[in-house]
PDB file of all heavy atoms in Angstrom:
ATOM      1  N   THR A   1      -5.500   6.186  -1.355  1.00  0.00           N
ATOM      2  CA  THR A   1      -6.419   6.156  -0.223  1.00  0.00           C
ATOM      3  C   THR A   1      -7.175   7.465  -0.142  1.00  0.00           C
ATOM      4  O   THR A   1      -6.699   8.483  -0.628  1.00  0.00           O
ATOM      5  CB  THR A   1      -5.653   5.896   1.090  1.00  0.00           C
ATOM      6  OG1 THR A   1      -4.778   6.977   1.345  1.00  0.00           O
ATOM      7  CG2 THR A   1      -4.894   4.588   1.037  1.00  0.00           C
ATOM      8  N   PRO A   2      -8.373   7.435   0.459  1.00  0.00           N
ATOM      9  CA  PRO A   2      -9.037   6.321   1.122  1.00  0.00           C
ATOM     10  C   PRO A   2      -9.510   5.269   0.120  1.00  0.00           C
ATOM     11  O   PRO A   2      -9.775   5.569  -1.040  1.00  0.00           O
ATOM     12  CB  PRO A   2     -10.209   6.973   1.850  1.00  0.00           C
ATOM     13  CG  PRO A   2     -10.486   8.235   1.103  1.00  0.00           C
ATOM     14  CD  PRO A   2      -9.173   8.675   0.523  1.00  0.00           C
ATOM     15  N   LEU A   3      -9.618   4.021   0.609  1.00  0.00           N
ATOM     16  CA  LEU A   3     -10.073   2.902  -0.205  1.00  0.00           C
ATOM     17  C   LEU A   3     -11.561   2.698   0.059  1.00  0.00           C
ATOM     18  O   LEU A   3     -11.958   2.184   1.094  1.00  0.00           O
ATOM     19  CB  LEU A   3      -9.287   1.638   0.152  1.00  0.00           C
ATOM     20  CG  LEU A   3      -9.694   0.350  -0.575  1.00  0.00           C
ATOM     21  CD1 LEU A   3      -9.502   0.486  -2.081  1.00  0.00           C
ATOM     22  CD2 LEU A   3      -8.906  -0.827  -0.024  1.00  0.00           C
ATOM     23  N   THR A   4     -12.380   3.133  -0.882  1.00  0.00           N
ATOM     24  CA  THR A   4     -13.826   2.998  -0.718  1.00  0.00           C
ATOM     25  C   THR A   4     -14.250   1.542  -0.894  1.00  0.00           C
ATOM     26  O   THR A   4     -13.534   0.745  -1.515  1.00  0.00           O
ATOM     27  CB  THR A   4     -14.583   3.856  -1.747  1.00  0.00           C
ATOM     28  OG1 THR A   4     -14.288   3.354  -3.064  1.00  0.00           O
ATOM     29  CG2 THR A   4     -14.200   5.329  -1.646  1.00  0.00           C
ATOM     30  N   GLN A   5     -15.429   1.212  -0.392  1.00  0.00           N
ATOM     31  CA  GLN A   5     -15.959  -0.140  -0.576  1.00  0.00           C
ATOM     32  C   GLN A   5     -16.139  -0.444  -2.059  1.00  0.00           C
ATOM     33  O   GLN A   5     -15.848  -1.554  -2.509  1.00  0.00           O
ATOM     34  CB  GLN A   5     -17.287  -0.305   0.164  1.00  0.00           C
ATOM     35  CG  GLN A   5     -17.129  -0.433   1.652  1.00  0.00           C
ATOM     36  CD  GLN A   5     -18.465  -0.654   2.359  1.00  0.00           C
ATOM     37  OE1 GLN A   5     -19.522  -0.471   1.782  1.00  0.00           O
ATOM     38  NE2 GLN A   5     -18.385  -1.041   3.618  1.00  0.00           N
ATOM     39  N   GLU A   6     -16.599   0.539  -2.805  1.00  0.00           N
ATOM     40  CA  GLU A   6     -16.794   0.344  -4.246  1.00  0.00           C
ATOM     41  C   GLU A   6     -15.474  -0.040  -4.915  1.00  0.00           C
ATOM     42  O   GLU A   6     -15.415  -0.983  -5.709  1.00  0.00           O
ATOM     43  CB  GLU A   6     -17.363   1.626  -4.870  1.00  0.00           C
ATOM     44  CG  GLU A   6     -17.549   1.537  -6.363  1.00  0.00           C
ATOM     45  CD  GLU A   6     -18.022   2.842  -6.986  1.00  0.00           C
ATOM     46  OE1 GLU A   6     -18.077   3.884  -6.298  1.00  0.00           O
ATOM     47  OE2 GLU A   6     -18.326   2.811  -8.187  1.00  0.00           O
ATOM     48  N   ARG A   7     -14.409   0.671  -4.578  1.00  0.00           N
ATOM     49  CA  ARG A   7     -13.080   0.387  -5.150  1.00  0.00           C
ATOM     50  C   ARG A   7     -12.557  -0.960  -4.650  1.00  0.00           C
ATOM     51  O   ARG A   7     -11.996  -1.740  -5.417  1.00  0.00           O
ATOM     52  CB  ARG A   7     -12.107   1.514  -4.778  1.00  0.00           C
ATOM     53  CG  ARG A   7     -10.712   1.329  -5.320  1.00  0.00           C
ATOM     54  CD  ARG A   7     -10.691   1.598  -6.833  1.00  0.00           C
ATOM     55  NE  ARG A   7      -9.333   1.622  -7.300  1.00  0.00           N
ATOM     56  CZ  ARG A   7      -8.825   0.707  -8.134  1.00  0.00           C
ATOM     57  NH1 ARG A   7      -9.570  -0.261  -8.583  1.00  0.00           N
ATOM     58  NH2 ARG A   7      -7.570   0.775  -8.533  1.00  0.00           N
ATOM     59  N   ALA A   8     -12.747  -1.251  -3.354  1.00  0.00           N
ATOM     60  CA  ALA A   8     -12.275  -2.517  -2.783  1.00  0.00           C
ATOM     61  C   ALA A   8     -12.945  -3.698  -3.471  1.00  0.00           C
ATOM     62  O   ALA A   8     -12.306  -4.720  -3.732  1.00  0.00           O
ATOM     63  CB  ALA A   8     -12.540  -2.548  -1.280  1.00  0.00           C
ATOM     64  N   ARG A   9     -14.234  -3.563  -3.794  1.00  0.00           N
ATOM     65  CA  ARG A   9     -14.972  -4.660  -4.422  1.00  0.00           C
ATOM     66  C   ARG A   9     -14.494  -4.936  -5.849  1.00  0.00           C
ATOM     67  O   ARG A   9     -14.737  -6.015  -6.391  1.00  0.00           O
ATOM     68  CB  ARG A   9     -16.467  -4.375  -4.411  1.00  0.00           C
ATOM     69  CG  ARG A   9     -17.087  -4.498  -3.023  1.00  0.00           C
ATOM     70  CD  ARG A   9     -18.611  -4.362  -3.081  1.00  0.00           C
ATOM     71  NE  ARG A   9     -19.218  -4.267  -1.775  1.00  0.00           N
ATOM     72  CZ  ARG A   9     -19.499  -5.306  -0.987  1.00  0.00           C
ATOM     73  NH1 ARG A   9     -19.188  -6.525  -1.379  1.00  0.00           N
ATOM     74  NH2 ARG A   9     -20.073  -5.119   0.193  1.00  0.00           N
ATOM     75  N   LYS A  10     -13.805  -4.008  -6.466  1.00  0.00           N
ATOM     76  CA  LYS A  10     -13.284  -4.221  -7.821  1.00  0.00           C
ATOM     77  C   LYS A  10     -11.960  -4.973  -7.822  1.00  0.00           C
ATOM     78  O   LYS A  10     -11.544  -5.499  -8.849  1.00  0.00           O
ATOM     79  CB  LYS A  10     -13.114  -2.874  -8.531  1.00  0.00           C
ATOM     80  CG  LYS A  10     -14.433  -2.208  -8.857  1.00  0.00           C
ATOM     81  CD  LYS A  10     -14.229  -0.885  -9.545  1.00  0.00           C
ATOM     82  CE  LYS A  10     -15.569  -0.203  -9.823  1.00  0.00           C
ATOM     83  NZ  LYS A  10     -15.389   1.128 -10.417  1.00  0.00           N
ATOM     84  N   LEU A  11     -11.290  -5.022  -6.683  1.00  0.00           N
ATOM     85  CA  LEU A  11     -10.008  -5.722  -6.595  1.00  0.00           C
ATOM     86  C   LEU A  11     -10.238  -7.227  -6.524  1.00  0.00           C
ATOM     87  O   LEU A  11     -11.188  -7.684  -5.897  1.00  0.00           O
ATOM     88  CB  LEU A  11      -9.233  -5.244  -5.368  1.00  0.00           C
ATOM     89  CG  LEU A  11      -8.849  -3.770  -5.378  1.00  0.00           C
ATOM     90  CD1 LEU A  11      -8.304  -3.352  -4.021  1.00  0.00           C
ATOM     91  CD2 LEU A  11      -7.814  -3.496  -6.479  1.00  0.00           C
ATOM     92  N   LYS A  12      -9.365  -7.975  -7.157  1.00  0.00           N
ATOM     93  CA  LYS A  12      -9.492  -9.430  -7.211  1.00  0.00           C
ATOM     94  C   LYS A  12      -8.256 -10.101  -6.643  1.00  0.00           C
ATOM     95  O   LYS A  12      -7.136  -9.596  -6.784  1.00  0.00           O
ATOM     96  CB  LYS A  12      -9.709  -9.893  -8.657  1.00  0.00           C
ATOM     97  CG  LYS A  12     -10.954  -9.294  -9.307  1.00  0.00           C
ATOM     98  CD  LYS A  12     -12.215  -9.690  -8.564  1.00  0.00           C
ATOM     99  CE  LYS A  12     -13.451  -8.999  -9.108  1.00  0.00           C
ATOM    100  NZ  LYS A  12     -14.515  -8.931  -8.138  1.00  0.00           N
ATOM    101  N   ALA A  13      -8.455 -11.260  -6.029  1.00  0.00           N
ATOM    102  CA  ALA A  13      -7.334 -12.034  -5.483  1.00  0.00           C
ATOM    103  C   ALA A  13      -6.294 -12.234  -6.580  1.00  0.00           C
ATOM    104  O   ALA A  13      -6.627 -12.611  -7.704  1.00  0.00           O
ATOM    105  CB  ALA A  13      -7.819 -13.368  -4.945  1.00  0.00           C
ATOM    106  N   GLY A  14      -5.053 -11.940  -6.248  1.00  0.00           N
ATOM    107  CA  GLY A  14      -3.959 -12.053  -7.204  1.00  0.00           C
ATOM    108  C   GLY A  14      -3.529 -10.727  -7.792  1.00  0.00           C
ATOM    109  O   GLY A  14      -2.451 -10.639  -8.384  1.00  0.00           O
ATOM    110  N   ASP A  15      -4.361  -9.674  -7.653  1.00  0.00           N
ATOM    111  CA  ASP A  15      -3.979  -8.360  -8.179  1.00  0.00           C
ATOM    112  C   ASP A  15      -2.758  -7.821  -7.429  1.00  0.00           C
ATOM    113  O   ASP A  15      -2.737  -7.794  -6.199  1.00  0.00           O
ATOM    114  CB  ASP A  15      -5.108  -7.332  -8.008  1.00  0.00           C
ATOM    115  CG  ASP A  15      -6.259  -7.506  -8.967  1.00  0.00           C
ATOM    116  OD1 ASP A  15      -6.138  -8.307  -9.915  1.00  0.00           O
ATOM    117  OD2 ASP A  15      -7.299  -6.840  -8.761  1.00  0.00           O
ATOM    118  N   SER A  16      -1.746  -7.398  -8.171  1.00  0.00           N
ATOM    119  CA  SER A  16      -0.619  -6.678  -7.586  1.00  0.00           C
ATOM    120  C   SER A  16      -1.019  -5.217  -7.512  1.00  0.00           C
ATOM    121  O   SER A  16      -1.551  -4.671  -8.482  1.00  0.00           O
ATOM    122  CB  SER A  16       0.627  -6.814  -8.457  1.00  0.00           C
ATOM    123  OG  SER A  16       1.077  -8.146  -8.447  1.00  0.00           O
ATOM    124  N   CYS A  17      -0.777  -4.584  -6.368  1.00  0.00           N
ATOM    125  CA  CYS A  17      -1.210  -3.203  -6.160  1.00  0.00           C
ATOM    126  C   CYS A  17      -0.075  -2.347  -5.609  1.00  0.00           C
ATOM    127  O   CYS A  17       0.831  -2.855  -4.945  1.00  0.00           O
ATOM    128  CB  CYS A  17      -2.376  -3.161  -5.172  1.00  0.00           C
ATOM    129  SG  CYS A  17      -3.810  -4.142  -5.666  1.00  0.00           S
ATOM    130  N   LEU A  18      -0.161  -1.064  -5.875  1.00  0.00           N
ATOM    131  CA  LEU A  18       0.729  -0.065  -5.297  1.00  0.00           C
ATOM    132  C   LEU A  18      -0.147   0.957  -4.594  1.00  0.00           C
ATOM    133  O   LEU A  18      -0.954   1.639  -5.235  1.00  0.00           O
ATOM    134  CB  LEU A  18       1.577   0.609  -6.379  1.00  0.00           C
ATOM    135  CG  LEU A  18       2.547  -0.309  -7.120  1.00  0.00           C
ATOM    136  CD1 LEU A  18       3.169   0.414  -8.314  1.00  0.00           C
ATOM    137  CD2 LEU A  18       3.627  -0.823  -6.179  1.00  0.00           C
ATOM    138  N   ILE A  19      -0.004   1.039  -3.268  1.00  0.00           N
ATOM    139  CA  ILE A  19      -0.846   1.928  -2.473  1.00  0.00           C
ATOM    140  C   ILE A  19      -0.115   3.237  -2.206  1.00  0.00           C
ATOM    141  O   ILE A  19       1.049   3.235  -1.795  1.00  0.00           O
ATOM    142  CB  ILE A  19      -1.228   1.269  -1.132  1.00  0.00           C
ATOM    143  CG1 ILE A  19      -2.006  -0.031  -1.382  1.00  0.00           C
ATOM    144  CG2 ILE A  19      -2.044   2.224  -0.262  1.00  0.00           C
ATOM    145  CD1 ILE A  19      -2.248  -0.859  -0.124  1.00  0.00           C
ATOM    146  N   SER A  20      -0.813   4.343  -2.410  1.00  0.00           N
ATOM    147  CA  SER A  20      -0.294   5.672  -2.077  1.00  0.00           C
ATOM    148  C   SER A  20      -1.346   6.404  -1.256  1.00  0.00           C
ATOM    149  O   SER A  20      -2.544   6.233  -1.477  1.00  0.00           O
ATOM    150  CB  SER A  20       0.034   6.470  -3.341  1.00  0.00           C
ATOM    151  OG  SER A  20       1.094   5.862  -4.055  1.00  0.00           O
ATOM    152  N   GLY A  21      -0.873   7.196  -0.303  1.00  0.00           N
ATOM    153  CA  GLY A  21      -1.778   7.961   0.552  1.00  0.00           C
ATOM    154  C   GLY A  21      -1.556   7.614   2.007  1.00  0.00           C
ATOM    155  O   GLY A  21      -0.445   7.267   2.414  1.00  0.00           O
ATOM    156  N   VAL A  22      -2.624   7.685   2.787  1.00  0.00           N
ATOM    157  CA  VAL A  22      -2.543   7.446   4.236  1.00  0.00           C
ATOM    158  C   VAL A  22      -3.030   6.043   4.566  1.00  0.00           C
ATOM    159  O   VAL A  22      -4.102   5.625   4.106  1.00  0.00           O
ATOM    160  CB  VAL A  22      -3.382   8.487   5.008  1.00  0.00           C
ATOM    161  CG1 VAL A  22      -3.456   8.140   6.481  1.00  0.00           C
ATOM    162  CG2 VAL A  22      -2.801   9.885   4.816  1.00  0.00           C
ATOM    163  N   ILE A  23      -2.218   5.322   5.330  1.00  0.00           N
ATOM    164  CA  ILE A  23      -2.636   4.050   5.922  1.00  0.00           C
ATOM    165  C   ILE A  23      -2.283   4.128   7.405  1.00  0.00           C
ATOM    166  O   ILE A  23      -1.546   5.027   7.835  1.00  0.00           O
ATOM    167  CB  ILE A  23      -1.982   2.823   5.243  1.00  0.00           C
ATOM    168  CG1 ILE A  23      -0.466   2.809   5.439  1.00  0.00           C
ATOM    169  CG2 ILE A  23      -2.344   2.776   3.761  1.00  0.00           C
ATOM    170  CD1 ILE A  23       0.216   1.545   4.900  1.00  0.00           C
ATOM    171  N   TYR A  24      -2.797   3.201   8.181  1.00  0.00           N
ATOM    172  CA  TYR A  24      -2.545   3.190   9.626  1.00  0.00           C
ATOM    173  C   TYR A  24      -1.891   1.878  10.030  1.00  0.00           C
ATOM    174  O   TYR A  24      -2.057   0.865   9.361  1.00  0.00           O
ATOM    175  CB  TYR A  24      -3.861   3.373  10.394  1.00  0.00           C
ATOM    176  CG  TYR A  24      -4.502   4.702  10.122  1.00  0.00           C
ATOM    177  CD1 TYR A  24      -5.459   4.835   9.122  1.00  0.00           C
ATOM    178  CD2 TYR A  24      -4.123   5.830  10.827  1.00  0.00           C
ATOM    179  CE1 TYR A  24      -6.027   6.070   8.842  1.00  0.00           C
ATOM    180  CE2 TYR A  24      -4.692   7.069  10.559  1.00  0.00           C
ATOM    181  CZ  TYR A  24      -5.638   7.179   9.562  1.00  0.00           C
ATOM    182  OH  TYR A  24      -6.194   8.403   9.280  1.00  0.00           O
ATOM    183  N   THR A  25      -1.157   1.912  11.133  1.00  0.00           N
ATOM    184  CA  THR A  25      -0.584   0.691  11.681  1.00  0.00           C
ATOM    185  C   THR A  25      -1.336   0.311  12.940  1.00  0.00           C
ATOM    186  O   THR A  25      -1.785   1.177  13.692  1.00  0.00           O
ATOM    187  CB  THR A  25       0.906   0.855  12.040  1.00  0.00           C
ATOM    188  OG1 THR A  25       1.043   1.720  13.174  1.00  0.00           O
ATOM    189  CG2 THR A  25       1.702   1.404  10.867  1.00  0.00           C
ATOM    190  N   ALA A  26      -1.455  -0.983  13.160  1.00  0.00           N
ATOM    191  CA  ALA A  26      -2.022  -1.494  14.416  1.00  0.00           C
ATOM    192  C   ALA A  26      -1.749  -2.984  14.471  1.00  0.00           C
ATOM    193  O   ALA A  26      -1.877  -3.682  13.462  1.00  0.00           O
ATOM    194  CB  ALA A  26      -3.518  -1.227  14.510  1.00  0.00           C
ATOM    195  N   ARG A  27      -1.374  -3.431  15.655  1.00  0.00           N
ATOM    196  CA  ARG A  27      -1.215  -4.857  15.889  1.00  0.00           C
ATOM    197  C   ARG A  27      -2.224  -5.294  16.937  1.00  0.00           C
ATOM    198  O   ARG A  27      -3.152  -4.568  17.256  1.00  0.00           O
ATOM    199  CB  ARG A  27       0.225  -5.160  16.301  1.00  0.00           C
ATOM    200  CG  ARG A  27       1.162  -5.058  15.109  1.00  0.00           C
ATOM    201  CD  ARG A  27       2.595  -5.368  15.389  1.00  0.00           C
ATOM    202  NE  ARG A  27       2.803  -6.467  16.324  1.00  0.00           N
ATOM    203  CZ  ARG A  27       3.978  -7.007  16.579  1.00  0.00           C
ATOM    204  NH1 ARG A  27       5.044  -6.564  15.955  1.00  0.00           N
ATOM    205  NH2 ARG A  27       4.113  -7.972  17.451  1.00  0.00           N
ATOM    206  N   ASP A  28      -2.046  -6.481  17.490  1.00  0.00           N
ATOM    207  CA  ASP A  28      -3.079  -7.052  18.357  1.00  0.00           C
ATOM    208  C   ASP A  28      -3.370  -6.233  19.611  1.00  0.00           C
ATOM    209  O   ASP A  28      -4.531  -6.075  19.985  1.00  0.00           O
ATOM    210  CB  ASP A  28      -2.778  -8.509  18.698  1.00  0.00           C
ATOM    211  CG  ASP A  28      -1.327  -8.814  18.966  1.00  0.00           C
ATOM    212  OD1 ASP A  28      -0.446  -8.213  18.340  1.00  0.00           O
ATOM    213  OD2 ASP A  28      -1.060  -9.703  19.802  1.00  0.00           O
ATOM    214  N   ALA A  29      -2.366  -5.668  20.266  1.00  0.00           N
ATOM    215  CA  ALA A  29      -2.632  -4.892  21.489  1.00  0.00           C
ATOM    216  C   ALA A  29      -3.474  -3.654  21.163  1.00  0.00           C
ATOM    217  O   ALA A  29      -4.416  -3.318  21.887  1.00  0.00           O
ATOM    218  CB  ALA A  29      -1.328  -4.493  22.167  1.00  0.00           C
ATOM    219  N   ALA A  30      -3.150  -2.983  20.062  1.00  0.00           N
ATOM    220  CA  ALA A  30      -3.923  -1.798  19.655  1.00  0.00           C
ATOM    221  C   ALA A  30      -5.325  -2.205  19.205  1.00  0.00           C
ATOM    222  O   ALA A  30      -6.307  -1.524  19.524  1.00  0.00           O
ATOM    223  CB  ALA A  30      -3.197  -1.048  18.545  1.00  0.00           C
ATOM    224  N   HIS A  31      -5.436  -3.305  18.481  1.00  0.00           N
ATOM    225  CA  HIS A  31      -6.755  -3.790  18.057  1.00  0.00           C
ATOM    226  C   HIS A  31      -7.641  -4.082  19.267  1.00  0.00           C
ATOM    227  O   HIS A  31      -8.832  -3.771  19.259  1.00  0.00           O
ATOM    228  CB  HIS A  31      -6.613  -5.044  17.191  1.00  0.00           C
ATOM    229  CG  HIS A  31      -6.394  -4.765  15.754  1.00  0.00           C
ATOM    230  ND1 HIS A  31      -5.177  -4.362  15.242  1.00  0.00           N
ATOM    231  CD2 HIS A  31      -7.241  -4.823  14.701  1.00  0.00           C
ATOM    232  CE1 HIS A  31      -5.291  -4.195  13.939  1.00  0.00           C
ATOM    233  NE2 HIS A  31      -6.537  -4.463  13.583  1.00  0.00           N
ATOM    234  N   LYS A  32      -7.063  -4.693  20.277  1.00  0.00           N
ATOM    235  CA  LYS A  32      -7.836  -4.994  21.481  1.00  0.00           C
ATOM    236  C   LYS A  32      -8.378  -3.713  22.098  1.00  0.00           C
ATOM    237  O   LYS A  32      -9.556  -3.637  22.464  1.00  0.00           O
ATOM    238  CB  LYS A  32      -6.965  -5.741  22.496  1.00  0.00           C
ATOM    239  CG  LYS A  32      -7.709  -6.101  23.759  1.00  0.00           C
ATOM    240  CD  LYS A  32      -6.829  -6.857  24.739  1.00  0.00           C
ATOM    241  CE  LYS A  32      -7.643  -7.193  25.984  1.00  0.00           C
ATOM    242  NZ  LYS A  32      -6.837  -7.763  27.034  1.00  0.00           N
TER     243      LYS A  32
END
């Protein structure tokens, strides 16, 4: 991370991935 749009567009359905770096958590109350 960060996951740029350019990088995201290269990923394809079915790809297995290993993410390293910073991600965030949020569920519906936080999204609202």
